[in-house]
PDB file of N, CA and C in Angstrom:
ATOM      1  N   MET A   1      -6.784 -47.770 -11.433  1.00  0.00           N
ATOM      2  CA  MET A   1      -5.835 -47.838 -10.303  1.00  0.00           C
ATOM      3  C   MET A   1      -5.607 -46.426  -9.690  1.00  0.00           C
ATOM      4  N   LYS A   2      -5.451 -45.470 -10.558  1.00  0.00           N
ATOM      5  CA  LYS A   2      -5.210 -44.056 -10.034  1.00  0.00           C
ATOM      6  C   LYS A   2      -6.396 -43.552  -9.301  1.00  0.00           C
ATOM      7  N   LEU A   3      -7.607 -43.868  -9.754  1.00  0.00           N
ATOM      8  CA  LEU A   3      -8.792 -43.379  -9.109  1.00  0.00           C
ATOM      9  C   LEU A   3      -8.954 -44.026  -7.704  1.00  0.00           C
ATOM     10  N   GLU A   4      -8.580 -45.369  -7.648  1.00  0.00           N
ATOM     11  CA  GLU A   4      -8.586 -46.032  -6.363  1.00  0.00           C
ATOM     12  C   GLU A   4      -7.635 -45.482  -5.313  1.00  0.00           C
ATOM     13  N   THR A   5      -6.468 -45.070  -5.896  1.00  0.00           N
ATOM     14  CA  THR A   5      -5.384 -44.520  -4.927  1.00  0.00           C
ATOM     15  C   THR A   5      -5.954 -43.182  -4.410  1.00  0.00           C
ATOM     16  N   ILE A   6      -6.444 -42.376  -5.238  1.00  0.00           N
ATOM     17  CA  ILE A   6      -6.964 -41.016  -4.870  1.00  0.00           C
ATOM     18  C   ILE A   6      -8.151 -41.255  -3.821  1.00  0.00           C
ATOM     19  N   GLU A   7      -9.058 -42.094  -4.079  1.00  0.00           N
ATOM     20  CA  GLU A   7     -10.125 -42.375  -3.153  1.00  0.00           C
ATOM     21  C   GLU A   7      -9.614 -42.844  -1.802  1.00  0.00           C
ATOM     22  N   HIS A   8      -8.708 -43.739  -1.859  1.00  0.00           N
ATOM     23  CA  HIS A   8      -7.994 -44.314  -0.606  1.00  0.00           C
ATOM     24  C   HIS A   8      -7.393 -43.107   0.192  1.00  0.00           C
ATOM     25  N   ALA A   9      -6.717 -42.308  -0.489  1.00  0.00           N
ATOM     26  CA  ALA A   9      -5.978 -41.133   0.137  1.00  0.00           C
ATOM     27  C   ALA A   9      -6.962 -40.206   0.759  1.00  0.00           C
ATOM     28  N   ARG A  10      -8.079 -40.022   0.043  1.00  0.00           N
ATOM     29  CA  ARG A  10      -9.178 -39.075   0.549  1.00  0.00           C
ATOM     30  C   ARG A  10      -9.770 -39.694   1.858  1.00  0.00           C
ATOM     31  N   PHE A  11     -10.179 -40.951   1.639  1.00  0.00           N
ATOM     32  CA  PHE A  11     -10.758 -41.653   2.896  1.00  0.00           C
ATOM     33  C   PHE A  11      -9.777 -41.578   4.133  1.00  0.00           C
ATOM     34  N   ARG A  12      -8.564 -41.901   3.819  1.00  0.00           N
ATOM     35  CA  ARG A  12      -7.446 -41.826   4.941  1.00  0.00           C
ATOM     36  C   ARG A  12      -7.416 -40.396   5.494  1.00  0.00           C
ATOM     37  N   ALA A  13      -7.355 -39.439   4.679  1.00  0.00           N
ATOM     38  CA  ALA A  13      -7.332 -38.062   5.229  1.00  0.00           C
ATOM     39  C   ALA A  13      -8.502 -37.741   6.096  1.00  0.00           C
ATOM     40  N   ILE A  14      -9.653 -38.048   5.632  1.00  0.00           N
ATOM     41  CA  ILE A  14     -10.893 -37.788   6.522  1.00  0.00           C
ATOM     42  C   ILE A  14     -10.779 -38.521   7.717  1.00  0.00           C
ATOM     43  N   SER A  15     -10.418 -39.828   7.744  1.00  0.00           N
ATOM     44  CA  SER A  15     -10.245 -40.630   9.007  1.00  0.00           C
ATOM     45  C   SER A  15      -9.247 -40.021   9.881  1.00  0.00           C
ATOM     46  N   GLN A  16      -8.130 -39.637   9.465  1.00  0.00           N
ATOM     47  CA  GLN A  16      -7.044 -39.044  10.230  1.00  0.00           C
ATOM     48  C   GLN A  16      -7.495 -37.790  10.893  1.00  0.00           C
ATOM     49  N   ILE A  17      -8.231 -36.960  10.178  1.00  0.00           N
ATOM     50  CA  ILE A  17      -8.707 -35.618  10.705  1.00  0.00           C
ATOM     51  C   ILE A  17      -9.638 -35.974  11.887  1.00  0.00           C
ATOM     52  N   ILE A  18     -10.460 -36.883  11.839  1.00  0.00           N
ATOM     53  CA  ILE A  18     -11.433 -37.260  12.909  1.00  0.00           C
ATOM     54  C   ILE A  18     -10.577 -37.720  14.159  1.00  0.00           C
ATOM     55  N   ILE A  19      -9.556 -38.634  13.901  1.00  0.00           N
ATOM     56  CA  ILE A  19      -8.812 -39.201  14.963  1.00  0.00           C
ATOM     57  C   ILE A  19      -7.783 -38.189  15.561  1.00  0.00           C
ATOM     58  N   ASP A  20      -6.997 -37.673  14.751  1.00  0.00           N
ATOM     59  CA  ASP A  20      -5.902 -36.806  15.152  1.00  0.00           C
ATOM     60  C   ASP A  20      -5.716 -35.597  14.165  1.00  0.00           C
ATOM     61  N   LYS A  21      -5.754 -34.409  14.662  1.00  0.00           N
ATOM     62  CA  LYS A  21      -5.672 -33.227  13.801  1.00  0.00           C
ATOM     63  C   LYS A  21      -4.372 -33.092  13.029  1.00  0.00           C
ATOM     64  N   ASP A  22      -3.243 -33.308  13.765  1.00  0.00           N
ATOM     65  CA  ASP A  22      -1.868 -33.063  13.109  1.00  0.00           C
ATOM     66  C   ASP A  22      -1.692 -34.126  12.041  1.00  0.00           C
ATOM     67  N   LYS A  23      -1.944 -35.412  12.355  1.00  0.00           N
ATOM     68  CA  LYS A  23      -1.770 -36.430  11.378  1.00  0.00           C
ATOM     69  C   LYS A  23      -2.738 -36.249  10.270  1.00  0.00           C
ATOM     70  N   GLY A  24      -3.953 -35.676  10.531  1.00  0.00           N
ATOM     71  CA  GLY A  24      -4.955 -35.425   9.449  1.00  0.00           C
ATOM     72  C   GLY A  24      -4.509 -34.408   8.465  1.00  0.00           C
ATOM     73  N   VAL A  25      -3.901 -33.355   8.936  1.00  0.00           N
ATOM     74  CA  VAL A  25      -3.374 -32.285   8.053  1.00  0.00           C
ATOM     75  C   VAL A  25      -2.276 -32.918   7.138  1.00  0.00           C
ATOM     76  N   THR A  26      -1.422 -33.765   7.598  1.00  0.00           N
ATOM     77  CA  THR A  26      -0.399 -34.440   6.787  1.00  0.00           C
ATOM     78  C   THR A  26      -1.050 -35.370   5.758  1.00  0.00           C
ATOM     79  N   ALA A  27      -2.130 -36.141   6.260  1.00  0.00           N
ATOM     80  CA  ALA A  27      -2.797 -37.049   5.353  1.00  0.00           C
ATOM     81  C   ALA A  27      -3.441 -36.217   4.219  1.00  0.00           C
ATOM     82  N   PHE A  28      -4.091 -35.083   4.605  1.00  0.00           N
ATOM     83  CA  PHE A  28      -4.755 -34.260   3.617  1.00  0.00           C
ATOM     84  C   PHE A  28      -3.764 -33.699   2.552  1.00  0.00           C
ATOM     85  N   GLU A  29      -2.576 -33.257   3.028  1.00  0.00           N
ATOM     86  CA  GLU A  29      -1.612 -32.768   2.070  1.00  0.00           C
ATOM     87  C   GLU A  29      -1.230 -33.856   1.081  1.00  0.00           C
ATOM     88  N   GLU A  30      -0.986 -35.124   1.554  1.00  0.00           N
ATOM     89  CA  GLU A  30      -0.686 -36.229   0.697  1.00  0.00           C
ATOM     90  C   GLU A  30      -1.829 -36.533  -0.255  1.00  0.00           C
ATOM     91  N   TYR A  31      -3.047 -36.385   0.141  1.00  0.00           N
ATOM     92  CA  TYR A  31      -4.237 -36.572  -0.739  1.00  0.00           C
ATOM     93  C   TYR A  31      -4.213 -35.555  -1.876  1.00  0.00           C
ATOM     94  N   MET A  32      -3.939 -34.286  -1.442  1.00  0.00           N
ATOM     95  CA  MET A  32      -3.900 -33.099  -2.492  1.00  0.00           C
ATOM     96  C   MET A  32      -2.804 -33.404  -3.507  1.00  0.00           C
ATOM     97  N   LYS A  33      -1.658 -33.908  -3.076  1.00  0.00           N
ATOM     98  CA  LYS A  33      -0.611 -34.211  -3.970  1.00  0.00           C
ATOM     99  C   LYS A  33      -0.995 -35.381  -4.983  1.00  0.00           C
ATOM    100  N   LEU A  34      -1.713 -36.311  -4.484  1.00  0.00           N
ATOM    101  CA  LEU A  34      -2.139 -37.469  -5.343  1.00  0.00           C
ATOM    102  C   LEU A  34      -3.297 -36.968  -6.299  1.00  0.00           C
ATOM    103  N   ALA A  35      -4.241 -36.289  -5.728  1.00  0.00           N
ATOM    104  CA  ALA A  35      -5.405 -35.890  -6.589  1.00  0.00           C
ATOM    105  C   ALA A  35      -5.059 -34.794  -7.503  1.00  0.00           C
ATOM    106  N   PHE A  36      -4.246 -33.859  -7.154  1.00  0.00           N
ATOM    107  CA  PHE A  36      -3.857 -32.761  -8.023  1.00  0.00           C
ATOM    108  C   PHE A  36      -2.343 -32.609  -8.175  1.00  0.00           C
ATOM    109  N   PRO A  37      -1.738 -33.443  -8.918  1.00  0.00           N
ATOM    110  CA  PRO A  37      -0.262 -33.296  -9.107  1.00  0.00           C
ATOM    111  C   PRO A  37       0.232 -32.066  -9.662  1.00  0.00           C
ATOM    112  N   TYR A  38      -0.579 -31.374 -10.419  1.00  0.00           N
ATOM    113  CA  TYR A  38      -0.179 -30.101 -11.173  1.00  0.00           C
ATOM    114  C   TYR A  38      -0.221 -28.931 -10.187  1.00  0.00           C
ATOM    115  N   LEU A  39      -0.856 -29.119  -9.075  1.00  0.00           N
ATOM    116  CA  LEU A  39      -1.036 -28.001  -8.157  1.00  0.00           C
ATOM    117  C   LEU A  39       0.240 -27.442  -7.574  1.00  0.00           C
ATOM    118  N   GLU A  40       1.171 -28.374  -7.228  1.00  0.00           N
ATOM    119  CA  GLU A  40       2.435 -27.989  -6.739  1.00  0.00           C
ATOM    120  C   GLU A  40       3.356 -27.283  -7.690  1.00  0.00           C
ATOM    121  N   ALA A  41       3.274 -27.688  -9.036  1.00  0.00           N
ATOM    122  CA  ALA A  41       3.988 -27.052 -10.101  1.00  0.00           C
ATOM    123  C   ALA A  41       3.487 -25.654 -10.294  1.00  0.00           C
ATOM    124  N   THR A  42       2.121 -25.433 -10.226  1.00  0.00           N
ATOM    125  CA  THR A  42       1.498 -24.117 -10.393  1.00  0.00           C
ATOM    126  C   THR A  42       1.846 -23.181  -9.196  1.00  0.00           C
ATOM    127  N   LYS A  43       1.949 -23.704  -8.004  1.00  0.00           N
ATOM    128  CA  LYS A  43       2.271 -22.763  -6.907  1.00  0.00           C
ATOM    129  C   LYS A  43       3.735 -22.406  -7.000  1.00  0.00           C
ATOM    130  N   ASN A  44       4.630 -23.331  -7.460  1.00  0.00           N
ATOM    131  CA  ASN A  44       6.018 -22.961  -7.556  1.00  0.00           C
ATOM    132  C   ASN A  44       6.229 -21.909  -8.686  1.00  0.00           C
ATOM    133  N   LYS A  45       5.466 -22.052  -9.775  1.00  0.00           N
ATOM    134  CA  LYS A  45       5.532 -21.102 -10.817  1.00  0.00           C
ATOM    135  C   LYS A  45       5.065 -19.675 -10.441  1.00  0.00           C
ATOM    136  N   ASP A  46       3.994 -19.710  -9.687  1.00  0.00           N
ATOM    137  CA  ASP A  46       3.398 -18.386  -9.143  1.00  0.00           C
ATOM    138  C   ASP A  46       4.372 -17.855  -8.176  1.00  0.00           C
ATOM    139  N   ARG A  47       5.026 -18.589  -7.401  1.00  0.00           N
ATOM    140  CA  ARG A  47       6.033 -18.139  -6.457  1.00  0.00           C
ATOM    141  C   ARG A  47       7.202 -17.452  -7.148  1.00  0.00           C
ATOM    142  N   GLN A  48       7.717 -18.166  -8.157  1.00  0.00           N
ATOM    143  CA  GLN A  48       8.855 -17.633  -8.914  1.00  0.00           C
ATOM    144  C   GLN A  48       8.510 -16.308  -9.691  1.00  0.00           C
ATOM    145  N   ASP A  49       7.170 -16.264 -10.187  1.00  0.00           N
ATOM    146  CA  ASP A  49       6.811 -15.007 -10.885  1.00  0.00           C
ATOM    147  C   ASP A  49       6.759 -13.817  -9.777  1.00  0.00           C
ATOM    148  N   ASN A  50       6.237 -14.108  -8.650  1.00  0.00           N
ATOM    149  CA  ASN A  50       6.118 -13.078  -7.531  1.00  0.00           C
ATOM    150  C   ASN A  50       7.617 -12.599  -7.176  1.00  0.00           C
ATOM    151  N   ILE A  51       8.548 -13.598  -7.102  1.00  0.00           N
ATOM    152  CA  ILE A  51       9.961 -13.208  -6.756  1.00  0.00           C
ATOM    153  C   ILE A  51      10.401 -12.292  -7.812  1.00  0.00           C
ATOM    154  N   ALA A  52      10.210 -12.648  -9.083  1.00  0.00           N
ATOM    155  CA  ALA A  52      10.724 -11.858 -10.245  1.00  0.00           C
ATOM    156  C   ALA A  52      10.180 -10.368 -10.140  1.00  0.00           C
ATOM    157  N   ARG A  53       8.862 -10.297  -9.877  1.00  0.00           N
ATOM    158  CA  ARG A  53       8.223  -9.000  -9.748  1.00  0.00           C
ATOM    159  C   ARG A  53       8.891  -8.215  -8.670  1.00  0.00           C
ATOM    160  N   LEU A  54       9.078  -8.852  -7.518  1.00  0.00           N
ATOM    161  CA  LEU A  54       9.690  -8.137  -6.380  1.00  0.00           C
ATOM    162  C   LEU A  54      11.127  -7.649  -6.647  1.00  0.00           C
ATOM    163  N   LYS A  55      11.816  -8.500  -7.442  1.00  0.00           N
ATOM    164  CA  LYS A  55      13.171  -8.069  -7.810  1.00  0.00           C
ATOM    165  C   LYS A  55      13.164  -6.828  -8.718  1.00  0.00           C
ATOM    166  N   GLU A  56      12.081  -6.820  -9.636  1.00  0.00           N
ATOM    167  CA  GLU A  56      12.053  -5.611 -10.528  1.00  0.00           C
ATOM    168  C   GLU A  56      11.760  -4.376  -9.645  1.00  0.00           C
ATOM    169  N   TRP A  57      10.932  -4.389  -8.638  1.00  0.00           N
ATOM    170  CA  TRP A  57      10.624  -3.374  -7.835  1.00  0.00           C
ATOM    171  C   TRP A  57      11.854  -2.853  -7.109  1.00  0.00           C
ATOM    172  N   VAL A  58      12.657  -3.826  -6.580  1.00  0.00           N
ATOM    173  CA  VAL A  58      13.879  -3.533  -5.834  1.00  0.00           C
ATOM    174  C   VAL A  58      14.841  -2.845  -6.727  1.00  0.00           C
ATOM    175  N   ASP A  59      14.890  -3.257  -8.025  1.00  0.00           N
ATOM    176  CA  ASP A  59      15.853  -2.694  -8.930  1.00  0.00           C
ATOM    177  C   ASP A  59      15.589  -1.282  -9.256  1.00  0.00           C
ATOM    178  N   ARG A  60      14.382  -0.802  -9.110  1.00  0.00           N
ATOM    179  CA  ARG A  60      13.970   0.528  -9.393  1.00  0.00           C
ATOM    180  C   ARG A  60      14.607   1.586  -8.510  1.00  0.00           C
ATOM    181  N   GLY A  61      14.946   1.159  -7.335  1.00  0.00           N
ATOM    182  CA  GLY A  61      15.633   2.044  -6.392  1.00  0.00           C
ATOM    183  C   GLY A  61      14.714   2.385  -5.158  1.00  0.00           C
ATOM    184  N   PRO A  62      15.168   3.314  -4.368  1.00  0.00           N
ATOM    185  CA  PRO A  62      14.414   3.698  -3.220  1.00  0.00           C
ATOM    186  C   PRO A  62      12.961   4.317  -3.607  1.00  0.00           C
ATOM    187  N   PHE A  63      12.069   4.048  -2.646  1.00  0.00           N
ATOM    188  CA  PHE A  63      10.726   4.601  -2.807  1.00  0.00           C
ATOM    189  C   PHE A  63      10.701   6.048  -2.395  1.00  0.00           C
ATOM    190  N   ALA A  64      10.149   6.909  -3.221  1.00  0.00           N
ATOM    191  CA  ALA A  64      10.052   8.334  -2.942  1.00  0.00           C
ATOM    192  C   ALA A  64       8.619   8.822  -3.076  1.00  0.00           C
ATOM    193  N   VAL A  65       8.240   9.667  -2.172  1.00  0.00           N
ATOM    194  CA  VAL A  65       6.853  10.258  -2.267  1.00  0.00           C
ATOM    195  C   VAL A  65       7.052  11.717  -2.488  1.00  0.00           C
ATOM    196  N   LYS A  66       6.350  12.226  -3.571  1.00  0.00           N
ATOM    197  CA  LYS A  66       6.356  13.640  -3.895  1.00  0.00           C
ATOM    198  C   LYS A  66       4.947  14.161  -3.738  1.00  0.00           C
ATOM    199  N   PRO A  67       4.865  15.379  -3.135  1.00  0.00           N
ATOM    200  CA  PRO A  67       3.480  15.943  -2.980  1.00  0.00           C
ATOM    201  C   PRO A  67       2.979  16.405  -4.366  1.00  0.00           C
ATOM    202  N   LEU A  68       1.712  16.167  -4.701  1.00  0.00           N
ATOM    203  CA  LEU A  68       1.114  16.634  -5.771  1.00  0.00           C
ATOM    204  C   LEU A  68       0.932  18.168  -5.937  1.00  0.00           C
ATOM    205  N   GLN A  69       0.533  18.670  -4.805  1.00  0.00           N
ATOM    206  CA  GLN A  69       0.292  20.174  -4.785  1.00  0.00           C
ATOM    207  C   GLN A  69       0.912  20.698  -3.397  1.00  0.00           C
ATOM    208  N   VAL A  70       1.641  21.784  -3.501  1.00  0.00           N
ATOM    209  CA  VAL A  70       2.204  22.351  -2.298  1.00  0.00           C
ATOM    210  C   VAL A  70       1.117  23.135  -1.598  1.00  0.00           C
ATOM    211  N   PRO A  71       0.901  22.767  -0.298  1.00  0.00           N
ATOM    212  CA  PRO A  71      -0.181  23.457   0.428  1.00  0.00           C
ATOM    213  C   PRO A  71       0.153  24.933   0.666  1.00  0.00           C
ATOM    214  N   ASN A  72      -0.816  25.724   0.506  1.00  0.00           N
ATOM    215  CA  ASN A  72      -0.697  27.219   0.645  1.00  0.00           C
ATOM    216  C   ASN A  72      -1.243  27.443   2.090  1.00  0.00           C
ATOM    217  N   LEU A  73      -0.298  27.580   3.061  1.00  0.00           N
ATOM    218  CA  LEU A  73      -0.753  27.796   4.486  1.00  0.00           C
ATOM    219  C   LEU A  73      -0.366  29.178   4.912  1.00  0.00           C
ATOM    220  N   LYS A  74      -1.297  29.930   5.348  1.00  0.00           N
ATOM    221  CA  LYS A  74      -1.131  31.281   5.779  1.00  0.00           C
ATOM    222  C   LYS A  74      -1.628  31.381   7.262  1.00  0.00           C
ATOM    223  N   SER A  75      -1.065  32.317   7.933  1.00  0.00           N
ATOM    224  CA  SER A  75      -1.413  32.553   9.342  1.00  0.00           C
ATOM    225  C   SER A  75      -2.751  33.234   9.394  1.00  0.00           C
ATOM    226  N   ARG A  76      -3.568  32.724  10.270  1.00  0.00           N
ATOM    227  CA  ARG A  76      -4.923  33.462  10.472  1.00  0.00           C
ATOM    228  C   ARG A  76      -4.741  34.753  11.071  1.00  0.00           C
ATOM    229  N   ILE A  77      -3.800  34.897  11.896  1.00  0.00           N
ATOM    230  CA  ILE A  77      -3.529  36.208  12.573  1.00  0.00           C
ATOM    231  C   ILE A  77      -3.100  37.229  11.473  1.00  0.00           C
ATOM    232  N   ALA A  78      -2.251  36.903  10.622  1.00  0.00           N
ATOM    233  CA  ALA A  78      -1.719  37.859   9.588  1.00  0.00           C
ATOM    234  C   ALA A  78      -2.967  38.156   8.662  1.00  0.00           C
ATOM    235  N   ALA A  79      -3.777  37.234   8.329  1.00  0.00           N
ATOM    236  CA  ALA A  79      -4.917  37.430   7.415  1.00  0.00           C
ATOM    237  C   ALA A  79      -5.900  38.434   8.109  1.00  0.00           C
ATOM    238  N   ALA A  80      -6.149  38.274   9.422  1.00  0.00           N
ATOM    239  CA  ALA A  80      -7.094  39.142  10.163  1.00  0.00           C
ATOM    240  C   ALA A  80      -6.517  40.578  10.203  1.00  0.00           C
ATOM    241  N   LYS A  81      -5.140  40.636  10.499  1.00  0.00           N
ATOM    242  CA  LYS A  81      -4.529  41.966  10.522  1.00  0.00           C
ATOM    243  C   LYS A  81      -4.605  42.689   9.213  1.00  0.00           C
ATOM    244  N   ASN A  82      -4.483  41.982   8.090  1.00  0.00           N
ATOM    245  CA  ASN A  82      -4.555  42.587   6.709  1.00  0.00           C
ATOM    246  C   ASN A  82      -6.079  42.988   6.484  1.00  0.00           C
ATOM    247  N   ARG A  83      -7.002  42.326   6.979  1.00  0.00           N
ATOM    248  CA  ARG A  83      -8.426  42.694   6.722  1.00  0.00           C
ATOM    249  C   ARG A  83      -8.810  43.975   7.538  1.00  0.00           C
ATOM    250  N   MET A  84      -8.241  44.084   8.736  1.00  0.00           N
ATOM    251  CA  MET A  84      -8.552  45.192   9.528  1.00  0.00           C
ATOM    252  C   MET A  84      -7.762  46.491   9.262  1.00  0.00           C
ATOM    253  N   ALA A  85      -6.717  46.354   8.596  1.00  0.00           N
ATOM    254  CA  ALA A  85      -5.850  47.573   8.208  1.00  0.00           C
ATOM    255  C   ALA A  85      -6.631  48.389   7.267  1.00  0.00           C
ATOM    256  N   PRO A  86      -6.521  49.736   7.336  1.00  0.00           N
ATOM    257  CA  PRO A  86      -7.080  50.552   6.251  1.00  0.00           C
ATOM    258  C   PRO A  86      -6.413  50.302   4.929  1.00  0.00           C
ATOM    259  N   PRO A  87      -7.122  50.410   3.819  1.00  0.00           N
ATOM    260  CA  PRO A  87      -6.494  50.299   2.518  1.00  0.00           C
ATOM    261  C   PRO A  87      -5.459  51.340   2.192  1.00  0.00           C
ATOM    262  N   LYS A  88      -4.426  51.013   1.701  1.00  0.00           N
ATOM    263  CA  LYS A  88      -3.271  51.945   1.336  1.00  0.00           C
ATOM    264  C   LYS A  88      -3.509  52.544   0.006  1.00  0.00           C
ATOM    265  N   GLN A  89      -3.320  53.822  -0.103  1.00  0.00           N
ATOM    266  CA  GLN A  89      -3.451  54.476  -1.365  1.00  0.00           C
ATOM    267  C   GLN A  89      -2.163  54.428  -2.109  1.00  0.00           C
ATOM    268  N   ALA A  90      -2.282  54.427  -3.416  1.00  0.00           N
ATOM    269  CA  ALA A  90      -1.121  54.361  -4.290  1.00  0.00           C
ATOM    270  C   ALA A  90      -0.125  55.578  -4.126  1.00  0.00           C
ATOM    271  N   ASN A  91      -0.722  56.686  -3.923  1.00  0.00           N
ATOM    272  CA  ASN A  91       0.120  57.874  -3.840  1.00  0.00           C
ATOM    273  C   ASN A  91       0.286  58.445  -2.466  1.00  0.00           C
ATOM    274  N   GLU A  92       0.167  57.593  -1.519  1.00  0.00           N
ATOM    275  CA  GLU A  92       0.248  57.992  -0.085  1.00  0.00           C
ATOM    276  C   GLU A  92       1.592  58.655   0.267  1.00  0.00           C
ATOM    277  N   GLY A  93       2.703  58.030  -0.308  1.00  0.00           N
ATOM    278  CA  GLY A  93       4.040  58.612  -0.025  1.00  0.00           C
ATOM    279  C   GLY A  93       4.260  59.952  -0.581  1.00  0.00           C
ATOM    280  N   GLN A  94       3.703  60.314  -1.768  1.00  0.00           N
ATOM    281  CA  GLN A  94       3.762  61.461  -2.384  1.00  0.00           C
ATOM    282  C   GLN A  94       3.044  62.615  -1.609  1.00  0.00           C
ATOM    283  N   LEU A  95       1.895  62.256  -1.005  1.00  0.00           N
ATOM    284  CA  LEU A  95       1.153  63.238  -0.229  1.00  0.00           C
ATOM    285  C   LEU A  95       1.952  63.661   1.023  1.00  0.00           C
ATOM    286  N   TYR A  96       2.603  62.847   1.704  1.00  0.00           N
ATOM    287  CA  TYR A  96       3.376  63.229   2.853  1.00  0.00           C
ATOM    288  C   TYR A  96       4.569  64.050   2.350  1.00  0.00           C
ATOM    289  N   LYS A  97       5.095  63.809   1.298  1.00  0.00           N
ATOM    290  CA  LYS A  97       6.204  64.644   0.719  1.00  0.00           C
ATOM    291  C   LYS A  97       5.690  66.066   0.533  1.00  0.00           C
ATOM    292  N   LYS A  98       4.623  66.201  -0.067  1.00  0.00           N
ATOM    293  CA  LYS A  98       4.126  67.495  -0.260  1.00  0.00           C
ATOM    294  C   LYS A  98       3.749  68.316   0.972  1.00  0.00           C
ATOM    295  N   MET A  99       3.246  67.563   2.021  1.00  0.00           N
ATOM    296  CA  MET A  99       2.892  68.194   3.237  1.00  0.00           C
ATOM    297  C   MET A  99       4.122  68.625   4.064  1.00  0.00           C
ATOM    298  N   GLY A 100       5.231  68.008   3.825  1.00  0.00           N
ATOM    299  CA  GLY A 100       6.399  68.324   4.581  1.00  0.00           C
ATOM    300  C   GLY A 100       6.260  67.805   6.070  1.00  0.00           C
ATOM    301  N   ARG A 101       7.221  68.373   6.816  1.00  0.00           N
ATOM    302  CA  ARG A 101       7.328  67.897   8.177  1.00  0.00           C
ATOM    303  C   ARG A 101       6.166  68.649   8.969  1.00  0.00           C
ATOM    304  N   SER A 102       5.299  67.928   9.543  1.00  0.00           N
ATOM    305  CA  SER A 102       4.148  68.547  10.292  1.00  0.00           C
ATOM    306  C   SER A 102       4.531  68.740  11.725  1.00  0.00           C
ATOM    307  N   ILE A 103       5.494  68.099  12.162  1.00  0.00           N
ATOM    308  CA  ILE A 103       5.793  68.153  13.594  1.00  0.00           C
ATOM    309  C   ILE A 103       7.240  68.758  13.712  1.00  0.00           C
TER     310      ILE A 103
END
């Protein structure tokens, strides 16, 4: 009896889709409920699990993004200026003290 009901629903769904698309979709949904009664319970369980996971994420608080590495940005002009400047000697200040005022 159950198999006959399922076959009838399948045939009805196929016929309805050929005749009218909207009624065919409804008939197909009815066929799916008859042929696979556990499918609706599985979908509801999955939906409840997804809702529970989303609630856990919401309970964690606001979403924050932290940089993994601070970028080391330097000006190209300052780098070029440092490359072109003559190297400073460690005792340069002492030399000028020894020379005194030249002007």
